[in-house]
Amino acid sequence: MIVAIYAVDRTALLIVDPYNDFMSEGGELYEATRETAEAVGFYDNMRKLVPAIRAARIQVLIVPHHRWKATTRGGSI
């Protein structure tokens, strides 16, 4: 097995689209995804992952999604 070693100053955790609609109680789609998220430990894992990455002095980048079509849920931009 090959073990890759990455330089901390050139490494980051990239989190794409962490929608509050899915991840927060009261979010529009929270209840629809809650059972699966809890079954795989998503919430607990995210609560552990981000602080652990930061403690290792690795950047955490959160990239939001922006709707760009007027036909997407929620209407216009």
Protein backbone atom coordinates (compact mmCIF):
# COMPACT_ATOMS: atom_id res chain seq x y z
CA MET A 1 0.00 0.00 0.00
CA ILE A 2 1.27 3.47 -0.89
CA VAL A 3 1.06 6.05 1.88
CA ALA A 4 0.76 9.62 0.67
CA ILE A 5 2.09 12.43 2.82
CA TYR A 6 0.70 15.90 2.20
CA ALA A 7 2.21 19.18 3.38
CA VAL A 8 -0.07 20.82 5.96
CA ASP A 9 0.39 24.24 4.36
CA ARG A 10 -0.85 22.87 1.03
CA THR A 11 -3.72 20.78 2.34
CA ALA A 12 -7.31 21.66 3.19
CA LEU A 13 -10.62 20.06 4.03
CA LEU A 14 -13.16 21.24 1.46
CA ILE A 15 -16.80 21.09 2.58
CA VAL A 16 -19.18 21.69 -0.33
CA ASP A 17 -22.79 22.78 0.11
CA PRO A 18 -23.35 22.40 3.85
CA TYR A 19 -26.97 23.57 3.55
CA ASN A 20 -28.71 24.54 6.76
CA ASP A 21 -31.87 23.20 5.08
CA PHE A 22 -30.43 19.69 5.47
CA MET A 23 -28.19 20.03 8.51
CA SER A 24 -30.14 22.16 10.98
CA GLU A 25 -33.21 21.31 13.00
CA GLY A 26 -36.04 23.32 11.54
CA GLY A 27 -34.40 23.34 8.10
CA GLU A 28 -36.74 22.78 5.19
CA LEU A 29 -35.31 19.34 4.36
CA TYR A 30 -33.89 18.36 7.74
CA GLU A 31 -36.60 15.82 8.54
CA ALA A 32 -36.31 14.24 5.09
CA THR A 33 -32.60 13.54 5.61
CA ARG A 34 -32.38 13.16 9.39
CA GLU A 35 -32.88 9.38 9.59
CA THR A 36 -30.14 8.61 7.09
CA ALA A 37 -27.78 11.26 8.48
CA GLU A 38 -28.17 9.88 12.00
CA ALA A 39 -27.83 6.26 10.82
CA VAL A 40 -24.41 6.97 9.28
CA GLY A 41 -23.29 9.26 12.11
CA PHE A 42 -23.13 12.32 9.86
CA TYR A 43 -23.83 14.97 12.53
CA ASP A 44 -21.49 13.46 15.13
CA ASN A 45 -18.76 12.92 12.56
CA MET A 46 -18.94 16.52 11.31
CA ARG A 47 -18.82 17.80 14.91
CA LYS A 48 -15.59 15.82 15.40
CA LEU A 49 -14.03 16.25 11.97
CA VAL A 50 -13.87 20.04 11.68
CA PRO A 51 -12.24 20.67 15.10
CA ALA A 52 -9.79 17.80 14.54
CA ILE A 53 -8.74 19.17 11.16
CA ARG A 54 -8.31 22.67 12.61
CA ALA A 55 -6.33 21.26 15.55
CA ALA A 56 -3.99 19.70 13.00
CA ARG A 57 -3.52 23.24 11.61
CA ILE A 58 -5.17 22.33 8.31
CA GLN A 59 -7.48 24.85 6.68
CA VAL A 60 -11.22 24.17 6.52
CA LEU A 61 -12.84 25.67 3.42
CA ILE A 62 -16.62 25.84 3.25
CA VAL A 63 -17.92 26.44 -0.26
CA PRO A 64 -21.57 27.47 -0.45
CA HIS A 65 -23.79 26.68 -3.37
CA HIS A 66 -25.48 29.58 -5.12
CA ARG A 67 -28.61 29.06 -7.14
CA TRP A 68 -28.30 30.61 -10.54
CA LYS A 69 -31.52 29.78 -12.38
CA ALA A 70 -34.82 31.49 -11.72
CA THR A 71 -36.43 28.04 -11.93
CA THR A 72 -34.54 26.59 -8.98
CA ARG A 73 -36.27 26.12 -5.64
CA GLY A 74 -36.75 29.46 -4.00
CA GLY A 75 -37.13 31.51 -7.16
CA SER A 76 -34.65 33.99 -8.51
CA ILE A 77 -31.07 34.60 -7.47
